[in-house]
Amino acid sequence: ALRAFQRVKDPGVALISGFCLNGWYAEALGLFQKMHFDYNEANEFTFTYALLASLKLCSLISDVEIPWNLLLKACIKAKDYEMVHELLERIQLCCGFIDSYSICDILNSCLNPILLNVGTQAQAYMTKRGLISHPAVGNCLININSRCGKIDDADLAFKSTPEKNSLSWTFIISARVNHGHPSEALDLFKDKQWRYTSMNPTTFRSALKAYALMGLVGEAYRLFLSMEEVYHIEPSEEHYSIMVEALGRAGMFEEVLEFIKGIVPGKLCPLIWRTLLLSSRVHGDMKLAKYALDKLLELDPGIWIEIQNKIYEFVSDEKLTSEVSDKLAEIEENMKQLGFMKAVALGLISFPHGMPTRVIKSVGMCGYSHSACRFMSTIIERELVVKDPGSFTTSKMASAAAKMHMVVNQEFYKSTHAVFVK
């Protein structure tokens, strides 16, 4: 076959397939590579046998010899997180070696609360391998536990990290704010200021948010000014919007408008006007709410849809036909009844009694949904953690006395230990 191959001008796929069928996989890949060097175009059959040879060759490598770190990095780069988690199982079974940075890659692929169990497996593996003390791993654990609603485990990871760096403090401060503990977050922030001369924008964002939640407008404004004057950090759109939130929460709307006038035009983003719109609605200032809405629509006016190659454009104040309005109402009701409740029900039948149930929502939850979570947590007698794009609701079981007053007694909601994060 080789002699015949040497006499043929365009041998095609025949010899590569012959190599594969006879188990000469390395030779098949060598010939495939030579095709490219000789500028011979490959077809679907050539690629099929080349791929076959590559899988076959990988299967001949023992698990101990596989460069797991490189393989994990390739999967992370391709965003193939399912394969990352499958590789973790193989690594655990064969006691393969991976370094602390690969562990961080695995943990960072589990930031979605749905993948918390995989993150827990990774944590158990690195604890067994003695990698838990590495600062980068500790930081990942703080971040993943916080993002998955496990603030106690985030605290434990922070305390268990022997060599805390600036990022460690940034993660735990953000975690405290995001889980509704602004006072503790500020204590940590002041501690970090004392320990480190360098600061970063994320830490300032969390500290400003904490001041806003506590209604400490003056302290928030002084910290905001110190960003540029002391730390030489230029405020971002988020920093500006949090200052608008702090002033808006306090009902200082004249000061809000003066503050907005001083914002550099390039930083005057839709987020700032959305924040002002929310604050003015909470305080019942409908005139200011309309002003904020008009400004918001100037920056973000349109929503459009393509139907059969035709573009239909909509704006928020457009008058809808009765047919469209009825369909919107129907969709909204179905979404409320089906999506959220089905997810909760699936969790209840899938996990043992008493095990926390975590549900992820892709859209924001209304106040009613937050209250419903706390109510359901008491009825089903287990912790219920619900995450939407902007908040956590962690509801734990209420006492028997609270159950008796769950409709008329407002104190019931305190007894459920619910944590709200905006």
Protein backbone atom coordinates (compact mmCIF):
# COMPACT_ATOMS: atom_id res chain seq x y z
CA ALA A 1 0.00 0.00 0.00
CA LEU A 2 2.88 2.35 0.82
CA ARG A 3 4.60 1.57 -2.46
CA ALA A 4 1.38 2.19 -4.36
CA PHE A 5 0.87 5.41 -2.42
CA GLN A 6 4.22 6.75 -3.52
CA ARG A 7 3.24 6.32 -7.20
CA VAL A 8 -0.16 8.00 -6.92
CA LYS A 9 -0.46 11.75 -7.45
CA ASP A 10 -3.68 12.26 -5.46
CA PRO A 11 -4.03 9.33 -3.04
CA GLY A 12 -7.02 10.81 -1.21
CA VAL A 13 -8.12 9.20 2.04
CA ALA A 14 -7.32 5.56 1.32
CA LEU A 15 -3.94 5.24 3.08
CA ILE A 16 -4.94 7.27 6.15
CA SER A 17 -8.00 5.03 6.59
CA GLY A 18 -5.82 1.95 6.08
CA PHE A 19 -3.44 3.09 8.82
CA CYS A 20 -6.38 3.62 11.20
CA LEU A 21 -7.96 0.26 10.42
CA ASN A 22 -4.65 -1.48 11.14
CA GLY A 23 -4.03 0.41 14.37
CA TRP A 24 -1.26 2.66 13.00
CA TYR A 25 -2.76 5.80 14.53
CA ALA A 26 0.44 7.84 14.90
CA GLU A 27 1.34 7.10 11.27
CA ALA A 28 -2.17 8.15 10.18
CA LEU A 29 -1.78 11.50 11.94
CA GLY A 30 1.70 11.92 10.50
CA LEU A 31 0.32 11.40 7.00
CA PHE A 32 -2.54 13.80 7.72
CA GLN A 33 0.01 16.42 8.78
CA LYS A 34 2.03 15.78 5.61
CA MET A 35 -1.11 16.44 3.55
CA HIS A 36 -1.25 19.96 5.01
CA PHE A 37 2.44 20.56 4.44
CA ASP A 38 2.00 19.49 0.79
CA TYR A 39 -1.06 21.78 0.45
CA ASN A 40 -3.42 18.89 -0.25
CA GLU A 41 -6.96 19.80 0.77
CA ALA A 42 -8.59 17.48 3.31
CA ASN A 43 -12.24 16.42 3.01
CA GLU A 44 -14.81 15.21 5.54
CA PHE A 45 -13.55 11.62 5.28
CA THR A 46 -9.94 12.64 5.89
CA PHE A 47 -10.97 14.62 8.97
CA THR A 48 -13.08 11.71 10.20
CA TYR A 49 -10.12 9.32 10.21
CA ALA A 50 -7.77 11.97 11.63
CA LEU A 51 -10.17 12.51 14.52
CA LEU A 52 -10.51 8.77 15.01
CA ALA A 53 -6.74 8.42 15.22
CA SER A 54 -6.56 11.32 17.78
CA LEU A 55 -9.19 9.83 20.12
CA LYS A 56 -7.68 6.39 19.87
CA LEU A 57 -4.22 7.76 20.70
CA CYS A 58 -5.54 9.61 23.77
CA SER A 59 -7.13 6.41 25.04
CA LEU A 60 -3.72 4.72 25.02
CA ILE A 61 -2.32 7.26 27.48
CA SER A 62 -2.63 6.22 31.12
CA ASP A 63 -4.56 8.59 33.41
CA VAL A 64 -1.42 9.24 35.44
CA GLU A 65 0.45 10.48 32.35
CA ILE A 66 -2.30 12.84 31.14
CA PRO A 67 -1.32 16.54 31.54
CA TRP A 68 -4.52 17.40 33.43
CA ASN A 69 -3.61 21.05 33.95
CA LEU A 70 -3.29 21.68 30.21
CA LEU A 71 -6.45 19.74 29.46
CA LEU A 72 -8.44 21.73 32.04
CA LYS A 73 -7.16 25.04 30.71
CA ALA A 74 -8.20 24.07 27.18
CA CYS A 75 -11.72 23.21 28.35
CA ILE A 76 -11.98 26.43 30.36
CA LYS A 77 -10.84 28.44 27.33
CA ALA A 78 -13.52 26.71 25.23
CA LYS A 79 -16.08 27.35 28.04
CA ASP A 80 -16.87 23.63 28.08
CA TYR A 81 -17.70 23.55 31.78
CA GLU A 82 -19.49 20.21 31.56
CA MET A 83 -16.27 18.59 30.38
CA VAL A 84 -14.35 20.35 33.17
CA HIS A 85 -16.58 18.69 35.74
CA GLU A 86 -16.26 15.29 34.04
CA LEU A 87 -12.48 15.66 34.10
CA LEU A 88 -12.60 16.45 37.82
CA GLU A 89 -14.27 13.07 38.45
CA ARG A 90 -11.59 11.26 36.43
CA ILE A 91 -8.83 13.13 38.22
CA GLN A 92 -10.26 12.13 41.59
CA LEU A 93 -10.60 8.48 40.57
CA CYS A 94 -7.02 8.17 39.28
CA CYS A 95 -5.45 10.48 41.90
CA GLY A 96 -4.14 12.64 39.08
CA PHE A 97 -2.09 15.74 39.82
CA ILE A 98 -3.41 19.27 39.28
CA ASP A 99 -1.99 22.47 40.72
CA SER A 100 -3.76 25.16 42.74
CA TYR A 101 -4.34 27.34 39.66
CA SER A 102 -6.23 24.54 37.91
CA ILE A 103 -8.29 24.14 41.08
CA CYS A 104 -9.14 27.85 40.80
CA ASP A 105 -10.21 27.29 37.18
CA ILE A 106 -12.53 24.50 38.30
CA LEU A 107 -13.98 26.58 41.14
CA ASN A 108 -14.52 29.59 38.89
CA SER A 109 -16.49 27.36 36.53
CA CYS A 110 -18.92 26.67 39.41
CA LEU A 111 -19.92 30.27 40.20
CA ASN A 112 -23.49 29.51 39.16
CA PRO A 113 -25.39 28.32 42.29
CA ILE A 114 -26.77 25.40 40.25
CA LEU A 115 -23.22 23.98 40.09
CA LEU A 116 -22.58 24.31 43.83
CA ASN A 117 -22.29 20.53 44.31
CA VAL A 118 -19.45 20.36 41.78
CA GLY A 119 -17.69 23.19 43.62
CA THR A 120 -18.11 21.27 46.88
CA GLN A 121 -16.47 18.21 45.27
CA ALA A 122 -13.56 20.36 44.10
CA GLN A 123 -13.19 21.79 47.60
CA ALA A 124 -13.13 18.29 49.12
CA TYR A 125 -10.50 17.19 46.59
CA MET A 126 -8.15 20.10 47.24
CA THR A 127 -8.56 19.73 51.00
CA LYS A 128 -7.45 16.11 50.66
CA ARG A 129 -4.49 17.15 48.49
CA GLY A 130 -3.40 19.92 50.89
CA LEU A 131 -4.13 22.78 48.46
CA ILE A 132 -6.64 24.56 50.66
CA SER A 133 -4.11 26.98 52.15
CA HIS A 134 -3.10 28.59 48.85
CA PRO A 135 -4.30 32.26 48.77
CA ALA A 136 -5.71 31.97 45.23
CA VAL A 137 -7.75 28.91 46.22
CA GLY A 138 -8.98 30.62 49.38
CA ASN A 139 -10.13 33.62 47.37
CA CYS A 140 -12.02 31.37 44.94
CA LEU A 141 -13.77 29.64 47.84
CA ILE A 142 -14.83 32.96 49.34
CA ASN A 143 -16.19 34.07 45.98
CA ILE A 144 -18.01 30.87 45.01
CA ASN A 145 -19.68 30.43 48.41
CA SER A 146 -20.78 34.05 48.42
CA ARG A 147 -22.14 33.85 44.88
CA CYS A 148 -24.04 30.66 45.79
CA GLY A 149 -25.69 32.17 48.87
CA LYS A 150 -23.53 30.40 51.50
CA ILE A 151 -22.25 33.38 53.49
CA ASP A 152 -21.23 31.27 56.50
CA ASP A 153 -19.01 29.10 54.31
CA ALA A 154 -17.58 32.24 52.70
CA ASP A 155 -16.66 33.53 56.17
CA LEU A 156 -15.09 30.19 57.04
CA ALA A 157 -13.04 30.22 53.83
CA PHE A 158 -11.83 33.74 54.63
CA LYS A 159 -10.81 32.80 58.16
CA SER A 160 -9.14 29.59 56.92
CA THR A 161 -6.96 31.41 54.40
CA PRO A 162 -3.62 31.88 56.22
CA GLU A 163 -2.12 34.33 53.73
CA LYS A 164 -4.90 36.80 53.02
CA ASN A 165 -4.21 39.31 50.27
CA SER A 166 -6.07 42.40 49.11
CA LEU A 167 -8.37 40.32 46.91
CA SER A 168 -9.36 38.16 49.90
CA TRP A 169 -10.62 41.25 51.72
CA THR A 170 -12.37 42.53 48.61
CA PHE A 171 -14.32 39.28 48.19
CA ILE A 172 -15.43 39.02 51.82
CA ILE A 173 -16.46 42.70 51.96
CA SER A 174 -18.55 42.24 48.81
CA ALA A 175 -20.05 39.07 50.26
CA ARG A 176 -21.11 40.87 53.44
CA VAL A 177 -22.78 43.68 51.49
CA ASN A 178 -24.48 41.33 49.03
CA HIS A 179 -25.98 39.32 51.88
CA GLY A 180 -27.39 42.29 53.75
CA HIS A 181 -24.71 42.92 56.41
CA PRO A 182 -23.51 46.46 55.59
CA SER A 183 -22.23 47.27 59.08
CA GLU A 184 -19.97 44.20 59.15
CA ALA A 185 -18.82 45.02 55.61
CA LEU A 186 -17.76 48.51 56.69
CA ASP A 187 -15.84 47.13 59.67
CA LEU A 188 -13.95 44.87 57.28
CA PHE A 189 -13.41 47.74 54.85
CA LYS A 190 -11.86 49.92 57.57
CA ASP A 191 -9.70 47.00 58.62
CA LYS A 192 -8.52 46.63 55.03
CA GLN A 193 -7.74 50.36 54.82
CA TRP A 194 -5.52 49.96 57.84
CA ARG A 195 -3.74 46.86 56.47
CA TYR A 196 -3.30 47.77 52.79
CA THR A 197 -2.32 51.00 51.09
CA SER A 198 -3.61 49.80 47.69
CA MET A 199 -7.36 49.68 47.03
CA ASN A 200 -9.42 48.69 44.03
CA PRO A 201 -12.70 49.91 42.49
CA THR A 202 -14.63 46.81 43.57
CA THR A 203 -13.85 47.41 47.24
CA PHE A 204 -15.00 51.02 46.97
CA ARG A 205 -18.20 49.91 45.25
CA SER A 206 -19.00 47.56 48.12
CA ALA A 207 -18.19 50.15 50.78
CA LEU A 208 -20.31 52.81 49.07
CA LYS A 209 -23.16 50.32 48.81
CA ALA A 210 -22.87 49.57 52.53
CA TYR A 211 -23.04 53.28 53.40
CA ALA A 212 -26.06 53.65 51.11
CA LEU A 213 -27.87 50.74 52.77
CA MET A 214 -27.23 52.23 56.21
CA GLY A 215 -28.32 55.74 55.18
CA LEU A 216 -24.89 57.26 55.93
CA VAL A 217 -24.91 59.76 53.09
CA GLY A 218 -22.16 62.02 54.42
CA GLU A 219 -19.75 59.13 54.93
CA ALA A 220 -20.56 57.79 51.47
CA TYR A 221 -19.86 61.17 49.85
CA ARG A 222 -16.55 61.60 51.68
CA LEU A 223 -15.47 58.13 50.61
CA PHE A 224 -16.55 58.85 47.03
CA LEU A 225 -14.40 62.00 46.94
CA SER A 226 -11.41 60.15 48.41
CA MET A 227 -11.37 57.73 45.50
CA GLU A 228 -9.72 60.24 43.18
CA GLU A 229 -8.17 62.60 45.72
CA VAL A 230 -6.46 59.98 47.89
CA TYR A 231 -6.38 56.68 45.98
CA HIS A 232 -6.29 58.05 42.40
CA ILE A 233 -9.12 55.76 41.29
CA GLU A 234 -11.53 57.22 38.72
CA PRO A 235 -15.17 56.53 39.69
CA SER A 236 -17.12 54.36 37.27
CA GLU A 237 -20.80 54.46 36.31
CA GLU A 238 -21.52 52.04 39.16
CA HIS A 239 -19.89 54.29 41.75
CA TYR A 240 -21.94 57.24 40.52
CA SER A 241 -25.16 55.22 40.57
CA ILE A 242 -24.54 54.05 44.14
CA MET A 243 -24.10 57.67 45.23
CA VAL A 244 -27.42 58.45 43.53
CA GLU A 245 -28.92 55.54 45.45
CA ALA A 246 -27.51 56.80 48.77
CA LEU A 247 -28.95 60.27 48.24
CA GLY A 248 -32.22 58.88 46.89
CA ARG A 249 -32.73 56.54 49.85
CA ALA A 250 -32.43 59.54 52.13
CA GLY A 251 -34.97 61.49 50.06
CA MET A 252 -32.37 64.16 49.22
CA PHE A 253 -33.62 64.67 45.69
CA GLU A 254 -32.42 68.26 45.25
CA GLU A 255 -28.94 67.07 46.16
CA VAL A 256 -29.36 64.12 43.78
CA LEU A 257 -30.07 66.40 40.84
CA GLU A 258 -27.12 68.63 41.70
CA PHE A 259 -24.90 65.56 41.95
CA ILE A 260 -26.08 64.29 38.56
CA LYS A 261 -25.36 67.68 36.97
CA GLY A 262 -21.73 67.28 38.01
CA ILE A 263 -21.31 63.85 36.43
CA VAL A 264 -19.14 63.71 33.34
CA PRO A 265 -21.50 63.21 30.34
CA GLY A 266 -19.74 60.03 29.30
CA LYS A 267 -20.47 58.48 32.71
CA LEU A 268 -24.17 59.46 32.69
CA CYS A 269 -25.44 55.97 31.85
CA PRO A 270 -28.93 54.40 31.96
CA LEU A 271 -28.08 52.75 35.31
CA ILE A 272 -27.98 56.16 37.03
CA TRP A 273 -31.44 57.12 35.77
CA ARG A 274 -32.85 53.69 36.66
CA THR A 275 -31.55 54.15 40.20
CA LEU A 276 -33.12 57.60 40.46
CA LEU A 277 -36.39 56.27 39.01
CA LEU A 278 -36.56 53.55 41.66
CA SER A 279 -35.78 55.92 44.54
CA SER A 280 -38.31 58.53 43.43
CA ARG A 281 -41.02 55.87 43.09
CA VAL A 282 -40.29 54.53 46.58
CA HIS A 283 -40.66 58.05 48.01
CA GLY A 284 -43.76 58.74 45.92
CA ASP A 285 -42.22 61.61 43.93
CA MET A 286 -43.96 60.89 40.64
CA LYS A 287 -42.81 64.13 39.03
CA LEU A 288 -39.17 63.22 39.55
CA ALA A 289 -39.90 59.62 38.52
CA LYS A 290 -41.29 60.85 35.18
CA TYR A 291 -38.23 63.07 34.71
CA ALA A 292 -35.90 60.12 35.37
CA LEU A 293 -37.94 57.93 33.01
CA ASP A 294 -37.73 60.51 30.21
CA LYS A 295 -33.95 60.72 30.63
CA LEU A 296 -33.71 56.95 30.68
CA LEU A 297 -35.67 56.65 27.45
CA GLU A 298 -33.37 59.20 25.80
CA LEU A 299 -30.42 56.90 26.45
CA ASP A 300 -32.16 53.54 26.02
CA PRO A 301 -35.31 54.13 23.95
CA GLY A 302 -36.08 51.07 21.86
CA ILE A 303 -37.01 47.40 21.97
CA TRP A 304 -37.41 45.61 18.63
CA ILE A 305 -38.32 42.21 17.21
CA GLU A 306 -37.86 40.61 13.77
CA ILE A 307 -40.81 38.67 12.32
CA GLN A 308 -40.51 37.16 8.82
CA ASN A 309 -37.68 39.50 7.78
CA LYS A 310 -39.57 42.59 8.98
CA ILE A 311 -38.39 44.73 11.91
CA TYR A 312 -40.99 45.88 14.45
CA GLU A 313 -39.75 48.56 16.83
CA PHE A 314 -41.35 49.37 20.18
CA VAL A 315 -40.78 52.02 22.84
CA SER A 316 -41.88 51.89 26.45
CA ASP A 317 -44.77 54.38 26.15
CA GLU A 318 -46.20 52.88 22.96
CA LYS A 319 -49.94 52.18 22.98
CA LEU A 320 -50.63 48.48 22.63
CA THR A 321 -53.59 46.82 20.97
CA SER A 322 -56.02 44.98 23.22
CA GLU A 323 -54.88 41.68 21.71
CA VAL A 324 -51.22 42.33 22.60
CA SER A 325 -52.16 43.55 26.09
CA ASP A 326 -54.23 40.42 26.77
CA LYS A 327 -51.40 38.18 25.59
CA LEU A 328 -48.90 40.02 27.82
CA ALA A 329 -51.15 39.50 30.83
CA GLU A 330 -51.51 35.81 29.97
CA ILE A 331 -47.74 35.35 29.58
CA GLU A 332 -47.04 37.15 32.85
CA GLU A 333 -49.50 34.96 34.75
CA ASN A 334 -48.16 31.75 33.20
CA MET A 335 -44.57 32.73 34.06
CA LYS A 336 -45.54 33.35 37.66
CA GLN A 337 -47.45 30.09 37.98
CA LEU A 338 -45.19 27.72 36.02
CA GLY A 339 -41.52 28.58 35.98
CA PHE A 340 -40.81 29.46 39.58
CA MET A 341 -43.21 26.98 41.21
CA LYS A 342 -42.09 24.10 38.98
CA ALA A 343 -38.47 24.70 39.86
CA VAL A 344 -39.25 24.71 43.59
CA ALA A 345 -41.39 21.57 43.28
CA LEU A 346 -38.63 19.74 41.38
CA GLY A 347 -36.16 20.63 44.11
CA LEU A 348 -38.50 19.36 46.83
CA ILE A 349 -38.94 15.94 45.23
CA SER A 350 -35.26 15.61 44.24
CA PHE A 351 -33.54 16.39 47.55
CA PRO A 352 -33.89 14.70 50.96
CA HIS A 353 -36.16 16.35 53.52
CA GLY A 354 -34.40 19.17 55.35
CA MET A 355 -31.77 19.74 52.66
CA PRO A 356 -31.62 23.37 51.43
CA THR A 357 -33.24 23.99 48.05
CA ARG A 358 -31.69 26.55 45.66
CA VAL A 359 -33.58 28.06 42.73
CA ILE A 360 -32.16 30.43 40.08
CA LYS A 361 -34.37 33.01 38.34
CA SER A 362 -33.23 34.76 35.18
CA VAL A 363 -35.52 37.76 35.77
CA GLY A 364 -35.95 40.04 38.77
CA MET A 365 -38.33 39.05 41.56
CA CYS A 366 -41.07 41.31 42.86
CA GLY A 367 -41.76 41.90 46.55
CA TYR A 368 -44.58 39.37 46.43
CA SER A 369 -42.19 36.64 45.31
CA HIS A 370 -39.79 37.44 48.16
CA SER A 371 -42.66 37.13 50.64
CA ALA A 372 -43.84 33.92 48.99
CA CYS A 373 -40.38 32.41 49.47
CA ARG A 374 -40.46 33.10 53.18
CA PHE A 375 -43.99 31.71 53.42
CA MET A 376 -43.08 28.53 51.52
CA SER A 377 -39.94 28.02 53.61
CA THR A 378 -42.09 27.74 56.72
CA ILE A 379 -44.65 25.43 55.09
CA ILE A 380 -42.11 23.01 53.58
CA GLU A 381 -39.85 23.17 56.66
CA ARG A 382 -36.57 23.63 54.89
CA GLU A 383 -34.21 26.44 53.86
CA LEU A 384 -35.09 27.98 50.48
CA VAL A 385 -32.49 30.04 48.61
CA VAL A 386 -33.69 31.94 45.54
CA LYS A 387 -31.31 33.95 43.33
CA ASP A 388 -32.41 36.45 40.70
CA PRO A 389 -30.09 38.75 38.69
CA GLY A 390 -29.94 41.32 41.48
CA SER A 391 -30.61 39.59 44.79
CA PHE A 392 -30.63 36.63 47.12
CA THR A 393 -33.55 35.55 49.24
CA THR A 394 -32.50 33.06 51.89
CA SER A 395 -35.50 31.92 53.88
CA LYS A 396 -35.23 29.58 56.83
CA MET A 397 -37.92 27.83 58.84
CA ALA A 398 -39.93 29.97 61.21
CA SER A 399 -40.86 28.99 64.74
CA ALA A 400 -44.18 27.35 65.54
CA ALA A 401 -45.42 30.53 67.18
CA ALA A 402 -44.66 32.50 64.06
CA LYS A 403 -46.62 30.03 61.94
CA MET A 404 -49.75 30.90 63.89
CA HIS A 405 -49.41 34.56 63.01
CA MET A 406 -47.99 34.31 59.50
CA VAL A 407 -50.82 36.29 57.92
CA VAL A 408 -51.52 39.05 60.42
CA ASN A 409 -48.29 39.36 62.36
CA GLN A 410 -45.59 41.32 60.55
CA GLU A 411 -43.00 39.98 63.00
CA PHE A 412 -43.33 36.62 61.26
CA TYR A 413 -41.08 37.86 58.49
CA LYS A 414 -38.31 38.64 60.96
CA SER A 415 -38.52 35.19 62.48
CA THR A 416 -37.81 33.52 59.13
CA HIS A 417 -34.30 34.99 59.08
CA ALA A 418 -34.77 36.12 55.49
CA VAL A 419 -31.84 37.94 53.90
CA PHE A 420 -32.54 40.43 51.08
CA VAL A 421 -29.83 41.67 48.78
CA LYS A 422 -30.39 44.27 46.07
